[in-house]
N, C-alpha and C. Protein backbone atom coordinates (compact mmCIF):
# COMPACT_ATOMS: atom_id res chain seq x y z
N UNK A 1 106.09 109.20 79.39
CA UNK A 1 107.02 110.32 79.40
C UNK A 1 108.51 109.80 79.57
N UNK A 2 108.66 108.74 80.31
CA UNK A 2 110.00 108.20 80.47
C UNK A 2 110.55 107.74 79.20
N UNK A 3 109.79 107.10 78.39
CA UNK A 3 110.25 106.62 77.07
C UNK A 3 110.64 107.82 76.23
N UNK A 4 109.90 108.88 76.17
CA UNK A 4 110.24 110.03 75.36
C UNK A 4 111.45 110.75 75.90
N UNK A 5 111.60 110.81 77.18
CA UNK A 5 112.78 111.53 77.83
C UNK A 5 114.03 110.68 77.57
N UNK A 6 113.94 109.30 77.53
CA UNK A 6 115.10 108.55 77.36
C UNK A 6 115.50 108.24 75.85
N UNK A 7 114.53 108.44 74.95
CA UNK A 7 114.78 108.20 73.57
C UNK A 7 115.77 109.28 73.05
N UNK A 8 116.74 108.87 72.29
CA UNK A 8 117.69 109.89 71.68
C UNK A 8 116.89 110.82 70.79
N UNK A 9 117.27 112.15 70.91
CA UNK A 9 116.50 113.16 70.11
C UNK A 9 116.47 112.89 68.65
N UNK A 10 117.55 112.33 68.05
CA UNK A 10 117.54 112.04 66.69
C UNK A 10 116.42 110.99 66.28
N UNK A 11 116.17 110.05 67.15
CA UNK A 11 115.13 109.00 66.88
C UNK A 11 113.73 109.68 66.96
N UNK A 12 113.58 110.62 67.96
CA UNK A 12 112.18 111.24 67.96
C UNK A 12 112.03 112.14 66.76
N UNK A 13 113.16 112.87 66.33
CA UNK A 13 113.07 113.63 65.13
C UNK A 13 112.73 112.88 63.95
N UNK A 14 113.29 111.62 63.80
CA UNK A 14 113.02 110.81 62.70
C UNK A 14 111.49 110.42 62.57
N UNK A 15 110.89 110.14 63.72
CA UNK A 15 109.49 109.82 63.74
C UNK A 15 108.63 111.09 63.46
N UNK A 16 109.05 112.25 63.99
CA UNK A 16 108.33 113.47 63.88
C UNK A 16 108.16 113.87 62.39
N UNK A 17 109.16 113.51 61.56
CA UNK A 17 109.12 113.95 60.10
C UNK A 17 107.97 113.35 59.38
N UNK A 18 107.45 112.22 59.91
CA UNK A 18 106.32 111.52 59.10
C UNK A 18 105.00 111.82 59.77
N UNK A 19 104.93 112.54 60.83
CA UNK A 19 103.63 112.85 61.50
C UNK A 19 102.99 114.06 60.98
N UNK A 20 101.63 114.13 61.00
CA UNK A 20 100.91 115.36 60.60
C UNK A 20 101.23 116.40 61.66
N UNK A 21 101.47 117.63 61.27
CA UNK A 21 101.84 118.73 62.13
C UNK A 21 100.63 119.33 62.82
N UNK A 22 100.45 119.13 64.19
CA UNK A 22 99.35 119.78 64.80
C UNK A 22 99.68 121.26 65.11
N UNK A 23 98.63 122.04 65.25
CA UNK A 23 98.85 123.38 65.68
C UNK A 23 98.75 123.45 67.16
N UNK A 24 99.59 124.24 67.78
CA UNK A 24 99.70 124.35 69.23
C UNK A 24 100.07 125.71 69.75
N UNK A 25 99.86 125.99 70.93
CA UNK A 25 100.38 127.18 71.57
C UNK A 25 101.20 126.84 72.83
N UNK A 26 102.22 127.62 73.02
CA UNK A 26 103.12 127.36 74.18
C UNK A 26 102.43 127.78 75.47
N UNK A 27 102.43 126.93 76.47
CA UNK A 27 102.04 127.37 77.81
C UNK A 27 103.36 127.75 78.58
N UNK A 28 104.34 126.94 78.39
CA UNK A 28 105.71 127.28 78.85
C UNK A 28 106.71 126.79 77.83
N UNK A 29 107.35 127.80 77.14
CA UNK A 29 108.31 127.46 76.15
C UNK A 29 109.45 126.66 76.76
N UNK A 30 110.21 125.85 75.93
CA UNK A 30 111.33 125.11 76.47
C UNK A 30 112.29 125.98 77.27
N UNK A 31 112.55 125.58 78.53
CA UNK A 31 113.50 126.36 79.33
C UNK A 31 114.41 125.46 80.15
N UNK A 32 115.60 125.98 80.44
CA UNK A 32 116.55 125.18 81.08
C UNK A 32 116.39 125.40 82.64
N UNK A 33 116.76 124.42 83.34
CA UNK A 33 116.74 124.47 84.79
C UNK A 33 117.69 123.36 85.39
N UNK A 34 117.45 123.10 86.67
CA UNK A 34 118.19 122.07 87.26
C UNK A 34 117.31 121.33 88.30
N UNK A 35 117.71 120.16 88.57
CA UNK A 35 116.94 119.29 89.50
C UNK A 35 117.97 118.57 90.41
N UNK A 36 117.63 118.37 91.62
CA UNK A 36 118.51 117.62 92.51
C UNK A 36 118.34 116.12 92.31
N UNK A 37 119.37 115.39 92.15
CA UNK A 37 119.29 113.93 91.96
C UNK A 37 119.72 113.31 93.35
N UNK A 38 118.92 112.39 93.75
CA UNK A 38 119.14 111.70 95.03
C UNK A 38 119.65 110.27 94.70
N UNK A 39 120.49 109.75 95.68
CA UNK A 39 120.93 108.39 95.51
C UNK A 39 120.74 107.64 96.81
N UNK A 40 121.05 106.34 96.82
CA UNK A 40 120.95 105.58 98.07
C UNK A 40 122.28 104.77 98.12
N UNK A 41 122.78 104.65 99.35
CA UNK A 41 123.97 103.89 99.60
C UNK A 41 123.64 102.44 99.35
N UNK A 42 124.35 101.72 98.52
CA UNK A 42 124.14 100.33 98.17
C UNK A 42 122.78 100.07 97.53
N UNK A 43 122.14 101.11 97.12
CA UNK A 43 120.83 100.93 96.42
C UNK A 43 119.69 100.75 97.34
N UNK A 44 119.90 100.48 98.63
CA UNK A 44 118.79 100.23 99.62
C UNK A 44 119.04 101.05 100.87
N UNK A 45 120.14 101.71 101.03
CA UNK A 45 120.38 102.45 102.24
C UNK A 45 119.70 103.75 102.27
N UNK A 46 120.14 104.58 103.20
CA UNK A 46 119.57 105.98 103.38
C UNK A 46 119.81 106.88 102.13
N UNK A 47 118.83 107.65 101.81
CA UNK A 47 118.92 108.51 100.66
C UNK A 47 119.90 109.67 101.00
N UNK A 48 120.56 110.14 99.96
CA UNK A 48 121.43 111.39 100.09
C UNK A 48 121.34 112.18 98.81
N UNK A 49 121.62 113.46 98.90
CA UNK A 49 121.73 114.34 97.70
C UNK A 49 122.91 114.13 97.00
N UNK A 50 122.83 113.62 95.73
CA UNK A 50 123.99 113.31 94.95
C UNK A 50 124.49 114.53 94.28
N UNK A 51 123.59 115.41 93.74
CA UNK A 51 123.97 116.59 93.04
C UNK A 51 122.97 117.10 92.09
N UNK A 52 123.24 118.14 91.35
CA UNK A 52 122.25 118.73 90.40
C UNK A 52 122.47 118.26 89.04
N UNK A 53 121.47 118.10 88.26
CA UNK A 53 121.53 117.84 86.81
C UNK A 53 120.75 118.92 86.09
N UNK A 54 121.12 119.23 84.90
CA UNK A 54 120.45 120.14 84.03
C UNK A 54 119.23 119.43 83.40
N UNK A 55 118.12 120.10 83.38
CA UNK A 55 116.91 119.53 82.83
C UNK A 55 116.29 120.66 81.94
N UNK A 56 115.56 120.21 80.91
CA UNK A 56 114.88 121.18 80.00
C UNK A 56 113.37 120.76 80.16
N UNK A 57 112.49 121.70 80.36
CA UNK A 57 111.09 121.39 80.51
C UNK A 57 110.25 122.29 79.61
N UNK A 58 109.06 121.83 79.24
CA UNK A 58 108.16 122.68 78.47
C UNK A 58 106.76 122.16 78.62
N UNK A 59 105.79 123.02 78.32
CA UNK A 59 104.33 122.63 78.29
C UNK A 59 103.67 123.33 77.16
N UNK A 60 102.87 122.63 76.39
CA UNK A 60 102.09 123.18 75.29
C UNK A 60 100.73 122.67 75.24
N UNK A 61 99.95 123.35 74.45
CA UNK A 61 98.50 122.88 74.33
C UNK A 61 98.18 122.81 72.87
N UNK A 62 97.65 121.70 72.41
CA UNK A 62 97.24 121.55 70.99
C UNK A 62 95.97 122.42 70.77
N UNK A 63 95.67 122.73 69.60
CA UNK A 63 94.47 123.45 69.24
C UNK A 63 93.21 122.69 69.58
N UNK A 64 93.31 121.36 69.68
CA UNK A 64 92.17 120.50 70.13
C UNK A 64 91.98 120.39 71.61
N UNK A 65 92.96 121.07 72.38
CA UNK A 65 92.81 121.11 73.83
C UNK A 65 93.73 120.26 74.70
N UNK A 66 94.36 119.26 74.10
CA UNK A 66 95.22 118.41 74.87
C UNK A 66 96.50 119.15 75.28
N UNK A 67 96.95 118.90 76.54
CA UNK A 67 98.09 119.52 77.05
C UNK A 67 99.29 118.52 77.09
N UNK A 68 100.46 118.86 76.55
CA UNK A 68 101.61 117.99 76.61
C UNK A 68 102.67 118.59 77.49
N UNK A 69 103.33 117.80 78.32
CA UNK A 69 104.30 118.27 79.21
C UNK A 69 105.51 117.38 79.05
N UNK A 70 106.76 117.99 79.17
CA UNK A 70 107.93 117.14 79.14
C UNK A 70 109.02 117.69 80.01
N UNK A 71 109.79 116.81 80.58
CA UNK A 71 111.05 117.09 81.32
C UNK A 71 112.08 116.14 80.72
N UNK A 72 113.13 116.64 80.16
CA UNK A 72 114.26 115.83 79.76
C UNK A 72 115.53 116.30 80.36
N UNK A 73 116.45 115.31 80.66
CA UNK A 73 117.70 115.61 81.18
C UNK A 73 118.62 116.25 80.09
N UNK A 74 119.32 117.26 80.47
CA UNK A 74 120.20 117.92 79.54
C UNK A 74 119.64 119.27 79.02
N UNK A 75 120.31 119.80 78.00
CA UNK A 75 119.97 121.14 77.54
C UNK A 75 119.51 121.17 76.11
N UNK A 76 118.63 120.14 75.78
CA UNK A 76 118.14 120.09 74.41
C UNK A 76 116.60 120.59 74.35
N UNK A 77 116.51 121.80 73.95
CA UNK A 77 115.07 122.38 73.95
C UNK A 77 114.22 121.66 72.80
N UNK A 78 114.86 121.28 71.73
CA UNK A 78 114.02 120.56 70.69
C UNK A 78 113.53 119.29 71.19
N UNK A 79 114.38 118.51 71.92
CA UNK A 79 113.97 117.25 72.52
C UNK A 79 112.80 117.44 73.44
N UNK A 80 112.87 118.44 74.27
CA UNK A 80 111.75 118.73 75.23
C UNK A 80 110.47 119.09 74.49
N UNK A 81 110.62 119.92 73.42
CA UNK A 81 109.42 120.35 72.64
C UNK A 81 108.76 119.18 71.91
N UNK A 82 109.61 118.38 71.27
CA UNK A 82 108.98 117.16 70.55
C UNK A 82 108.38 116.14 71.60
N UNK A 83 109.05 115.98 72.65
CA UNK A 83 108.46 115.11 73.72
C UNK A 83 107.10 115.61 74.18
N UNK A 84 107.01 116.87 74.39
CA UNK A 84 105.72 117.46 74.78
C UNK A 84 104.66 117.28 73.65
N UNK A 85 105.07 117.50 72.44
CA UNK A 85 104.17 117.31 71.32
C UNK A 85 103.59 115.89 71.26
N UNK A 86 104.55 114.95 71.38
CA UNK A 86 104.10 113.53 71.40
C UNK A 86 103.15 113.23 72.56
N UNK A 87 103.52 113.78 73.72
CA UNK A 87 102.67 113.54 74.92
C UNK A 87 101.25 114.02 74.64
N UNK A 88 101.14 115.26 74.10
CA UNK A 88 99.81 115.79 73.78
C UNK A 88 99.10 115.01 72.70
N UNK A 89 99.77 114.60 71.69
CA UNK A 89 99.15 113.88 70.59
C UNK A 89 98.65 112.54 71.00
N UNK A 90 99.40 111.88 72.01
CA UNK A 90 98.92 110.58 72.46
C UNK A 90 97.64 110.67 73.28
N UNK A 91 97.23 111.89 73.68
CA UNK A 91 95.99 112.10 74.46
C UNK A 91 94.76 112.32 73.58
N UNK A 92 94.99 112.49 72.28
CA UNK A 92 93.90 112.74 71.41
C UNK A 92 92.95 111.53 71.29
N UNK A 93 91.74 111.86 70.90
CA UNK A 93 90.81 110.77 70.67
C UNK A 93 91.16 109.97 69.41
N UNK A 94 90.62 108.86 69.23
CA UNK A 94 90.92 107.99 68.12
C UNK A 94 90.74 108.78 66.78
N UNK A 95 91.84 108.75 66.01
CA UNK A 95 91.81 109.45 64.66
C UNK A 95 92.87 108.77 63.81
N UNK A 96 93.02 109.21 62.60
CA UNK A 96 93.95 108.60 61.67
C UNK A 96 95.42 108.90 62.19
N UNK A 97 95.54 110.07 62.67
CA UNK A 97 96.91 110.47 63.14
C UNK A 97 97.35 109.64 64.39
N UNK A 98 96.44 109.16 65.20
CA UNK A 98 96.83 108.48 66.39
C UNK A 98 97.57 107.14 66.07
N UNK A 99 97.10 106.49 64.99
CA UNK A 99 97.70 105.21 64.62
C UNK A 99 99.22 105.47 64.29
N UNK A 100 99.53 106.57 63.60
CA UNK A 100 100.85 106.88 63.28
C UNK A 100 101.66 107.17 64.59
N UNK A 101 101.11 107.96 65.41
CA UNK A 101 101.77 108.29 66.70
C UNK A 101 102.04 107.06 67.52
N UNK A 102 101.07 106.14 67.58
CA UNK A 102 101.25 104.88 68.42
C UNK A 102 102.25 104.01 67.73
N UNK A 103 102.33 104.00 66.38
CA UNK A 103 103.38 103.27 65.65
C UNK A 103 104.77 103.78 66.00
N UNK A 104 104.89 105.11 66.09
CA UNK A 104 106.13 105.73 66.39
C UNK A 104 106.56 105.40 67.87
N UNK A 105 105.63 105.39 68.76
CA UNK A 105 105.93 105.09 70.12
C UNK A 105 106.38 103.65 70.19
N UNK A 106 105.70 102.72 69.51
CA UNK A 106 106.05 101.31 69.49
C UNK A 106 107.47 101.12 68.94
N UNK A 107 107.82 101.88 67.92
CA UNK A 107 109.21 101.73 67.37
C UNK A 107 110.21 102.25 68.40
N UNK A 108 109.83 103.35 69.13
CA UNK A 108 110.80 103.87 70.14
C UNK A 108 110.99 102.80 71.19
N UNK A 109 109.88 102.14 71.61
CA UNK A 109 109.95 101.18 72.66
C UNK A 109 110.88 99.97 72.15
N UNK A 110 110.71 99.59 70.99
CA UNK A 110 111.58 98.50 70.43
C UNK A 110 113.03 98.89 70.49
N UNK A 111 113.35 100.11 70.06
CA UNK A 111 114.76 100.56 70.06
C UNK A 111 115.28 100.60 71.53
N UNK A 112 114.45 101.07 72.48
CA UNK A 112 114.89 101.07 73.87
C UNK A 112 115.17 99.62 74.33
N UNK A 113 114.23 98.77 74.01
CA UNK A 113 114.48 97.28 74.41
C UNK A 113 115.67 96.74 73.75
N UNK A 114 116.01 97.01 72.53
CA UNK A 114 117.23 96.54 71.90
C UNK A 114 118.42 97.08 72.65
N UNK A 115 118.39 98.38 72.93
CA UNK A 115 119.57 98.96 73.62
C UNK A 115 119.75 98.31 74.98
N UNK A 116 118.68 98.05 75.73
CA UNK A 116 118.81 97.41 77.00
C UNK A 116 119.33 95.99 76.88
N UNK A 117 118.83 95.19 75.91
CA UNK A 117 119.35 93.88 75.71
C UNK A 117 120.86 93.99 75.35
N UNK A 118 121.33 94.97 74.58
CA UNK A 118 122.65 95.06 74.24
C UNK A 118 123.50 95.35 75.44
N UNK A 119 123.08 96.25 76.35
CA UNK A 119 123.82 96.54 77.50
C UNK A 119 123.93 95.36 78.33
N UNK A 120 122.84 94.53 78.54
CA UNK A 120 122.85 93.34 79.33
C UNK A 120 123.84 92.28 78.72
N UNK A 121 123.82 92.15 77.41
CA UNK A 121 124.77 91.25 76.82
C UNK A 121 126.20 91.67 77.01
N UNK A 122 126.49 92.96 76.81
CA UNK A 122 127.79 93.44 77.01
C UNK A 122 128.24 93.28 78.47
N UNK A 123 127.31 93.42 79.39
CA UNK A 123 127.67 93.30 80.84
C UNK A 123 127.93 91.84 81.15
N UNK A 124 127.13 90.96 80.66
CA UNK A 124 127.35 89.53 80.88
C UNK A 124 128.64 89.06 80.31
N UNK A 125 129.02 89.52 79.13
CA UNK A 125 130.22 89.02 78.47
C UNK A 125 131.48 89.52 79.23
N UNK A 126 131.38 90.55 80.08
CA UNK A 126 132.54 91.02 80.76
C UNK A 126 132.56 90.60 82.18
N UNK A 127 131.67 89.70 82.55
CA UNK A 127 131.60 89.18 83.99
C UNK A 127 132.87 88.45 84.35
N UNK A 128 133.41 88.76 85.51
CA UNK A 128 134.54 88.07 85.99
C UNK A 128 134.21 87.12 87.13
N UNK A 129 134.68 85.87 87.07
CA UNK A 129 134.34 84.90 88.06
C UNK A 129 135.55 84.81 89.00
N UNK A 130 135.47 85.40 90.19
CA UNK A 130 136.54 85.30 91.14
C UNK A 130 136.50 84.00 92.00
N UNK A 131 137.59 83.41 92.13
CA UNK A 131 137.59 82.19 92.95
C UNK A 131 138.54 82.44 94.19
N UNK A 132 138.23 81.66 95.14
CA UNK A 132 139.02 81.68 96.37
C UNK A 132 140.31 80.95 96.25
N UNK A 133 141.39 81.53 96.63
CA UNK A 133 142.67 80.89 96.60
C UNK A 133 143.09 80.58 98.00
N UNK A 134 143.85 79.55 98.15
CA UNK A 134 144.38 79.27 99.54
C UNK A 134 145.35 80.37 100.08
N UNK A 135 145.57 80.46 101.34
CA UNK A 135 146.35 81.48 101.89
C UNK A 135 147.79 81.49 101.31
N UNK A 136 148.21 80.46 100.81
CA UNK A 136 149.55 80.49 100.21
C UNK A 136 149.60 81.08 98.84
N UNK A 137 148.46 81.34 98.20
CA UNK A 137 148.33 81.98 96.91
C UNK A 137 148.11 81.03 95.78
N UNK A 138 148.12 79.76 96.05
CA UNK A 138 147.86 78.75 94.99
C UNK A 138 146.82 77.76 95.43
N UNK A 139 146.07 77.24 94.48
CA UNK A 139 145.10 76.25 94.87
C UNK A 139 145.71 74.99 95.31
N UNK A 140 145.12 74.37 96.31
CA UNK A 140 145.70 73.03 96.82
C UNK A 140 144.93 71.89 96.20
């Protein structure tokens, strides 16, 4: 679910276009809400309530019985619906469609990994090395 929630909606949509369309019924149509985000001082300190974020959630059931659930940050109902469909389709028994779904998930994982590597590279390239100077302001 984290992968689907973090994948840009356009990327999910691109993979959705080549998948067989399953029939489903809504258990909970995509709806907007909010969730409290918590933080920690220095990453390890005491937790505190940081604030609210908008989330979109939905639940659906495929005609074959699998239930898909999604929660995505933001106000994108289509993103939540597609994420729930992928979640349900990944639960299906082995079939020809599953290979396509697993291939789409693998491609999304590769995109996520590339984005993370790019962020790490950008962060490393902007690293500043601070050195200690003598009290007079110049190295001795």
